[in-house]
Protein backbone atom coordinates (compact mmCIF):
# COMPACT_ATOMS: atom_id res chain seq x y z
CA MET A 1 51.45 -30.68 -50.92
CA SER A 2 48.24 -32.58 -51.08
CA GLY A 3 44.83 -30.94 -50.74
CA ASN A 4 44.32 -32.49 -47.32
CA HIS A 5 47.63 -31.08 -45.97
CA ARG A 6 46.86 -27.66 -47.42
CA GLU A 7 43.41 -27.57 -45.67
CA THR A 8 44.97 -28.66 -42.39
CA ASN A 9 47.55 -25.88 -42.49
CA VAL A 10 44.89 -23.26 -43.23
CA LEU A 11 42.85 -24.39 -40.25
CA ALA A 12 45.93 -24.31 -38.03
CA ILE A 13 46.78 -20.78 -39.15
CA VAL A 14 43.20 -19.61 -38.57
CA GLY A 15 43.17 -21.17 -35.11
CA LEU A 16 46.47 -19.47 -34.24
CA LEU A 17 45.15 -16.11 -35.41
CA LEU A 18 42.02 -16.57 -33.28
CA LEU A 19 44.14 -17.34 -30.22
CA LEU A 20 46.30 -14.25 -30.81
CA LEU A 21 43.18 -12.10 -31.19
CA ALA A 22 41.64 -13.46 -27.98
CA TYR A 23 44.85 -12.85 -26.02
CA GLN A 24 45.05 -9.23 -27.26
CA THR A 25 41.40 -8.64 -26.31
CA TYR A 26 42.08 -9.96 -22.80
CA GLN A 27 45.11 -7.65 -22.42
CA ASP A 28 43.11 -4.64 -23.61
CA ASP A 29 40.22 -5.33 -21.18
CA SER A 30 42.16 -6.34 -18.10
CA GLN A 31 43.50 -2.88 -17.09
CA PRO A 32 40.25 -0.84 -17.30
CA ARG A 33 38.36 -3.54 -15.37
CA SER A 34 40.92 -3.44 -12.55
CA GLU A 35 40.63 0.38 -12.34
CA GLN A 36 36.83 0.16 -12.18
CA GLN A 37 37.00 -2.29 -9.28
CA GLN A 38 39.50 -0.04 -7.46
CA GLN A 39 37.29 3.04 -7.87
CA THR A 40 34.34 1.24 -6.27
CA LYS A 41 36.46 0.09 -3.31
CA VAL A 42 37.80 3.61 -2.71
CA ALA A 43 34.31 5.06 -2.76
CA VAL A 44 33.12 2.73 0.01
CA ALA A 45 36.33 2.80 2.02
CA ASN A 46 36.58 6.60 2.01
CA ASN A 47 32.89 6.92 2.95
CA SER A 48 32.50 9.64 0.33
CA THR A 49 30.05 10.40 -2.46
CA ILE A 50 31.86 9.91 -5.79
CA MET A 51 31.07 8.55 -9.24
CA SER A 52 32.08 4.99 -10.11
CA SER A 53 33.17 4.08 -13.66
CA ASN A 54 29.62 3.05 -14.57
CA SER A 55 28.27 6.49 -13.42
CA THR A 56 26.36 5.12 -10.39
CA LEU A 57 26.25 7.50 -7.40
CA LEU A 58 27.39 5.64 -4.30
CA PRO A 59 25.49 6.60 -1.12
CA THR A 60 27.23 8.28 1.81
CA VAL A 61 27.17 6.18 4.97
CA ASN A 62 26.48 8.11 8.19
CA SER A 63 27.25 6.04 11.28
CA GLN A 64 26.56 8.84 13.82
CA GLU A 65 23.12 8.77 15.43
CA GLN A 66 21.25 12.01 15.94
CA PRO A 67 20.67 12.96 19.60
CA ARG A 68 17.24 12.04 20.86
CA LYS A 69 14.93 14.96 21.57
CA PRO A 70 13.06 15.07 24.90
CA PRO A 71 9.62 13.50 24.60
CA ALA A 72 6.77 15.88 23.93
CA ILE A 73 4.35 16.11 26.83
CA LYS A 74 0.79 16.33 25.59
CA LYS A 75 -1.64 18.75 27.22
CA THR A 76 -4.75 16.94 26.02
CA ASN A 77 -6.27 13.50 26.50
CA LEU A 78 -5.95 13.61 30.28
CA ALA A 79 -8.50 10.94 31.15
CA SER A 80 -7.21 8.88 34.06
CA LYS A 81 -7.52 5.09 34.17
CA VAL A 82 -6.75 3.65 37.60
CA ALA A 83 -5.32 0.14 37.59
CA ALA A 84 -5.70 -1.09 41.15
CA GLY A 85 -4.77 -4.41 42.67
CA PRO A 86 -3.46 -6.05 45.82
CA ILE A 87 -0.31 -4.57 47.28
CA MET A 88 2.89 -5.94 45.73
CA LEU A 89 6.22 -4.37 46.60
CA LYS A 90 8.32 -6.49 44.26
CA GLY A 91 9.87 -4.41 41.51
CA LEU A 92 9.65 -1.06 43.26
CA SER A 93 12.23 1.47 42.13
CA LEU A 94 14.25 1.93 45.31
CA GLU A 95 17.60 3.15 44.06
CA PRO A 96 18.21 6.90 44.27
CA VAL A 97 18.48 8.76 41.00
CA TYR A 98 21.99 9.92 41.88
CA GLN A 99 24.32 7.57 43.75
CA CYS A 100 26.00 9.94 46.17
CA GLU A 101 27.25 9.42 49.69
CA ASN A 102 23.80 8.13 50.69
CA SER A 103 23.29 4.74 49.09
CA ALA A 104 20.14 2.69 49.44
CA ASP A 105 20.15 0.13 52.24
CA GLU A 106 20.31 -3.46 50.95
CA ASN A 107 17.58 -4.42 53.43
CA LEU A 108 15.35 -1.50 52.45
CA VAL A 109 12.81 -3.56 50.51
CA GLY A 110 12.34 -5.91 53.43
CA GLU A 111 12.06 -3.05 55.92
CA ILE A 112 9.42 -1.26 53.85
CA GLN A 113 7.55 -4.50 53.27
CA GLN A 114 7.50 -5.18 57.00
CA ALA A 115 6.46 -1.62 57.86
CA LEU A 116 3.63 -1.65 55.33
CA SER A 117 2.48 -5.06 56.51
CA TRP A 118 1.95 -3.51 59.96
CA LEU A 119 0.06 -0.69 58.27
CA GLU A 120 -2.15 -3.21 56.46
CA ASP A 121 -3.30 -4.49 59.83
CA GLU A 122 -4.99 -1.09 60.19
CA VAL A 123 -6.31 -0.65 56.65
CA PRO A 124 -5.94 -2.54 53.33
CA LEU A 125 -3.49 -0.97 50.86
CA ILE A 126 -3.84 -0.83 47.09
CA VAL A 127 -1.09 -0.23 44.52
CA THR A 128 -2.05 2.10 41.68
CA ASN A 129 0.30 2.81 38.76
CA HIS A 130 -0.25 6.25 37.25
CA VAL A 131 1.42 6.66 33.85
CA ILE A 132 2.18 10.38 33.64
CA ASN A 133 3.87 10.15 30.25
CA GLU A 134 5.71 7.52 28.25
CA LEU A 135 8.71 7.68 30.60
CA LEU A 136 7.32 8.59 34.05
CA THR A 137 5.18 6.35 36.26
CA ILE A 138 4.01 7.16 39.78
CA LYS A 139 3.41 4.10 41.97
CA LEU A 140 0.86 5.11 44.60
CA ILE A 141 0.45 2.78 47.62
CA ALA A 142 -2.61 3.91 49.54
CA PRO A 143 -5.87 2.97 51.20
CA GLN A 144 -8.97 3.05 49.03
CA LEU A 145 -9.34 6.57 47.60
CA PRO A 146 -12.01 8.02 45.29
CA SER A 147 -11.32 7.45 41.60
CA ASP A 148 -11.62 11.17 40.85
CA PHE A 149 -8.90 11.81 43.45
CA HIS A 150 -6.54 9.54 41.51
CA ALA A 151 -7.49 11.38 38.32
CA ARG A 152 -6.67 14.77 39.87
CA ILE A 153 -3.23 13.61 41.05
CA LYS A 154 -2.45 12.20 37.64
CA ASP A 155 -3.63 15.30 35.80
CA GLN A 156 -1.76 17.71 38.07
CA MET A 157 1.49 15.81 37.62
CA LYS A 158 0.99 15.81 33.86
CA PHE A 159 0.69 19.59 33.93
CA ILE A 160 3.63 20.07 36.30
CA THR A 161 6.00 17.87 34.29
CA TYR A 162 4.91 19.82 31.21
CA LEU A 163 5.69 23.12 32.98
CA TYR A 164 9.10 21.87 34.11
CA GLN A 165 9.90 21.27 30.47
CA GLN A 166 8.50 24.61 29.31
CA TYR A 167 9.82 26.78 32.16
CA PHE A 168 13.11 25.12 33.04
CA GLN A 169 13.97 22.94 30.01
CA LEU A 170 13.95 19.82 32.19
CA ALA A 171 12.26 16.68 30.84
CA ILE A 172 12.29 13.02 31.86
CA SER A 173 14.72 11.28 29.49
CA GLU A 174 14.65 7.66 30.73
CA PRO A 175 12.05 5.31 32.21
CA THR A 176 11.45 6.45 35.79
CA THR A 177 9.22 5.29 38.64
CA MET A 178 8.49 7.44 41.69
CA ASN A 179 7.01 5.72 44.74
CA LEU A 180 4.57 7.30 47.19
CA VAL A 181 2.84 5.85 50.27
CA VAL A 182 -0.33 7.37 51.75
CA PHE A 183 -1.05 6.74 55.43
CA PRO A 184 -4.62 6.83 56.77
CA SER A 185 -3.69 9.07 59.73
CA LEU A 186 -0.90 11.16 61.20
CA THR A 187 -0.43 8.52 63.89
CA SER A 188 0.12 5.68 61.43
CA TYR A 189 2.38 8.00 59.40
CA ALA A 190 4.61 8.76 62.38
CA ASP A 191 4.61 5.19 63.73
CA THR A 192 5.46 3.56 60.40
CA LEU A 193 8.23 6.00 59.54
CA SER A 194 9.75 5.62 62.98
CA ARG A 195 10.12 1.90 62.22
CA LEU A 196 12.10 2.95 59.14
CA SER A 197 14.28 5.28 61.28
CA ILE A 198 12.84 8.33 59.52
CA ASP A 199 12.14 11.45 61.55
CA SER A 200 8.64 12.63 60.65
CA SER A 201 8.17 15.12 63.47
CA ASN A 202 6.40 18.39 62.61
CA SER A 203 5.42 17.12 59.16
CA GLN A 204 2.54 15.50 57.34
CA GLY A 205 4.59 14.49 54.29
CA LEU A 206 8.20 14.00 53.26
CA PHE A 207 10.42 12.80 50.44
CA SER A 208 13.29 10.40 51.16
CA SER A 209 15.80 10.94 48.36
CA ASN A 210 18.02 7.94 49.10
CA ARG A 211 14.97 5.66 49.06
CA ASN A 212 13.13 7.18 46.08
CA PHE A 213 10.02 7.18 48.28
CA SER A 214 7.57 9.90 49.24
CA PHE A 215 5.20 9.64 52.19
CA ALA A 216 1.98 11.54 52.97
CA ALA A 217 -0.48 11.45 55.87
CA TYR A 218 -4.24 11.76 55.34
CA LYS A 219 -6.23 14.42 57.20
CA THR A 220 -8.63 15.67 54.52
CA LEU A 221 -8.78 15.02 50.79
CA PRO A 222 -7.82 18.62 49.83
CA GLN A 223 -4.90 18.50 52.29
CA LEU A 224 -3.83 15.07 51.01
CA GLU A 225 -3.85 16.22 47.38
CA THR A 226 -1.67 19.24 48.19
CA THR A 227 0.73 17.14 50.30
CA ILE A 228 1.08 14.46 47.62
CA ILE A 229 1.81 17.05 44.90
CA HIS A 230 4.27 18.82 47.21
CA GLU A 231 6.27 15.63 47.84
CA LEU A 232 6.15 14.51 44.20
CA VAL A 233 7.51 17.89 43.11
CA HIS A 234 10.40 17.23 45.53
CA ALA A 235 10.94 13.86 43.84
CA LEU A 236 10.76 15.45 40.38
CA THR A 237 13.24 18.20 41.26
CA PHE A 238 15.64 15.72 42.83
CA HIS A 239 15.41 13.52 39.74
CA PHE A 240 16.50 16.43 37.56
CA VAL A 241 19.16 18.19 39.66
CA GLY A 242 20.04 16.06 42.70
CA TYR A 243 20.59 17.90 45.97
CA SER A 244 19.74 21.60 46.16
CA SER A 245 19.17 24.27 48.81
CA ARG A 246 16.00 24.09 50.91
CA TRP A 247 14.77 27.55 49.92
CA LEU A 248 14.80 26.55 46.24
CA THR A 249 13.40 23.03 46.46
CA GLU A 250 10.78 23.94 49.07
CA GLY A 251 9.87 27.06 47.13
CA LEU A 252 9.23 25.00 43.99
CA ALA A 253 7.25 22.37 45.90
CA GLN A 254 5.12 25.07 47.54
CA HIS A 255 4.63 26.98 44.30
CA PHE A 256 3.31 24.04 42.26
CA SER A 257 1.36 22.32 45.05
CA LYS A 258 -0.50 25.54 45.93
CA ARG A 259 -1.92 25.83 42.41
CA HIS A 260 -4.63 23.79 40.76
CA TYR A 261 -3.93 23.58 37.02
CA TYR A 262 -6.63 23.01 34.44
CA LEU A 263 -7.23 23.27 30.70
CA GLU A 264 -9.77 25.60 29.19
CA ASP A 265 -10.08 26.19 25.44
CA GLU A 266 -6.69 24.49 25.02
CA GLN A 267 -5.08 27.03 27.37
CA LEU A 268 -3.50 26.11 30.69
CA TYR A 269 -4.76 28.05 33.73
CA TYR A 270 -4.46 27.72 37.48
CA SER A 271 -6.38 28.70 40.57
CA LEU A 272 -4.72 29.28 43.95
CA LYS A 273 -5.44 26.79 46.71
CA GLU A 274 -5.84 27.35 50.40
CA ASP A 275 -3.09 25.98 52.61
CA ARG A 276 -2.62 22.28 53.42
CA ASP A 277 -5.05 22.36 56.34
CA GLY A 278 -7.80 23.97 54.26
CA SER A 279 -7.56 27.31 56.05
CA PRO A 280 -6.37 30.61 54.57
CA ALA A 281 -2.61 31.11 54.55
CA GLU A 282 -1.26 32.66 57.73
CA HIS A 283 0.54 35.98 57.80
CA PHE A 284 4.30 35.74 57.71
CA VAL A 285 7.28 37.95 58.34
CA LYS A 286 8.94 38.89 55.08
CA ILE A 287 12.59 37.85 54.73
CA GLU A 288 14.83 39.42 52.12
CA ILE A 289 16.08 36.94 49.54
CA SER A 290 19.72 37.28 50.60
CA LYS A 291 18.80 36.46 54.22
CA LEU A 292 16.53 33.61 53.14
CA ILE A 293 19.31 31.97 51.12
CA GLU A 294 21.76 32.34 54.01
CA GLN A 295 19.34 30.74 56.52
CA GLU A 296 19.80 27.15 55.30
CA ALA A 297 20.50 25.85 58.83
CA ASP A 298 17.35 27.47 60.22
CA TRP A 299 15.13 24.99 58.36
CA GLN A 300 15.93 22.55 61.17
CA GLN A 301 14.20 24.87 63.69
CA PRO A 302 10.49 23.96 63.91
CA LEU A 303 9.49 27.43 65.14
CA GLN A 304 11.02 29.12 62.10
CA ARG A 305 10.01 26.58 59.48
CA ALA A 306 6.52 27.92 58.70
CA ASN A 307 7.89 31.39 58.01
CA LEU A 308 10.68 29.95 55.86
CA TYR A 309 8.18 27.94 53.80
CA ALA A 310 6.08 31.05 53.19
CA ASN A 311 9.08 33.13 52.16
CA ALA A 312 10.52 30.42 49.93
CA GLN A 313 7.18 30.19 48.14
CA ARG A 314 7.00 33.98 47.79
CA VAL A 315 10.50 34.30 46.30
CA VAL A 316 10.25 31.34 43.91
CA SER A 317 6.72 32.29 42.81
CA ASP A 318 7.85 35.84 42.10
CA PHE A 319 10.59 34.45 39.86
CA VAL A 320 8.43 31.83 38.12
CA GLU A 321 5.44 34.10 37.50
CA GLN A 322 7.57 36.77 35.81
CA ARG A 323 8.61 35.57 32.38
CA SER A 324 11.73 37.75 32.41
CA GLU A 325 12.86 36.35 35.78
CA ARG A 326 11.80 32.73 35.24
CA ASN A 327 15.17 32.09 33.65
CA ILE A 328 16.79 32.75 37.04
CA VAL A 329 15.21 29.55 38.40
CA ARG A 330 16.13 27.65 35.24
CA HIS A 331 19.70 28.93 35.51
CA LEU A 332 19.98 27.88 39.17
CA LEU A 333 18.52 24.43 38.52
CA HIS A 334 20.92 23.73 35.68
CA LYS A 335 23.85 24.87 37.81
CA GLU A 336 22.76 22.42 40.52
CA ARG A 337 22.29 19.75 37.86
CA ALA A 338 25.98 20.03 36.93
CA HIS A 339 26.92 18.78 40.43
CA PRO A 340 23.98 16.64 41.60
CA CYS A 341 25.66 15.28 44.73
CA ALA A 342 26.45 18.69 46.27
CA LYS A 343 24.49 21.87 46.89
CA LEU A 344 25.54 25.29 45.72
CA SER A 345 26.71 27.53 48.56
CA SER A 346 24.76 30.59 49.65
CA SER A 347 27.34 32.88 48.05
CA GLU A 348 27.13 30.94 44.78
CA TYR A 349 23.34 31.32 44.73
CA LEU A 350 23.55 35.04 45.43
CA ASN A 351 26.27 35.64 42.83
CA LEU A 352 24.34 33.75 40.16
CA ILE A 353 21.13 35.66 40.92
CA ASP A 354 22.96 39.01 40.91
CA GLN A 355 24.65 38.21 37.60
CA HIS A 356 21.38 37.24 36.01
CA LEU A 357 19.50 40.27 37.28
CA LEU A 358 22.31 42.54 36.07
CA TYR A 359 22.15 40.90 32.64
CA LEU A 360 18.40 41.50 32.47
CA SER A 361 18.67 45.15 33.51
CA VAL A 362 21.37 45.90 30.94
CA ASN A 363 19.37 44.40 28.06
CA GLU A 364 15.98 45.83 28.91
């Protein structure tokens, strides 16, 4: 064999050996690499925290969102900025909070616009948006009022919404607008509401739940402030729990509207107001709580209404002012909240109160 043939054969043998070595290396590496890929896929697919073949910790994926906490209501920085402008009814929140058997009339915006246009013939109206917190806005439609009056309304509602959260564990959880119209006189109040088919007899303020509107008549500034707060507390309570018994909702409205809240040294205090007309509260005939709760129908009797208001305020204030009994009101409100389109019966109220009082007496 010549030298050239011998060199060619050696090269061929070397090449064959190299091919065999490369093939063996591929076979040795192919199985571990497939296992490594499979481990990584399992780690992600099983949504678990395990070690991959290269010792890298794979993160756990959590697709469940944490429940949002109620917004904190600040007690400081209560300066009020009034943004006033010409009256514009477009965009008013007219739908009721709870859609029950009373649904908002499709023509309601037009009816209110027409009624307020008649009112504007008597006095110009201004729309003021009061931002109570990041989720609650009060749209006040009223004649020209002093700027410090607007500030007081805004501050009082800040304090009251804070107390609803602290006392009753009820906080605004979605963007909400509450509408309120102030009339320059009792006559314009009665005339305008009659055009809306609303009975305003024997009243100087009211809350229409299926319209999401409150109305208040002006007599004096102190009276107007108390009336506005009273009706806005109705709106706030309805927003949280829907329909509830008159003794409870009127008692709450009376309790909070009869107090002027203020901050001093970062502590919240209140002073008691006189009644809506600016005169001392009249004497009333005390009604036992069981009788008061059972007299739901008597609220329609004008001659009995003043005494019922006074007793409702007395009962609810007694509960709210006593820390140990405040939970009774919270308990009742949350029971009403479970069925917003129906009121609890008198017997249900009495049973719940008795159960709660028994629980307190056993544990004291």
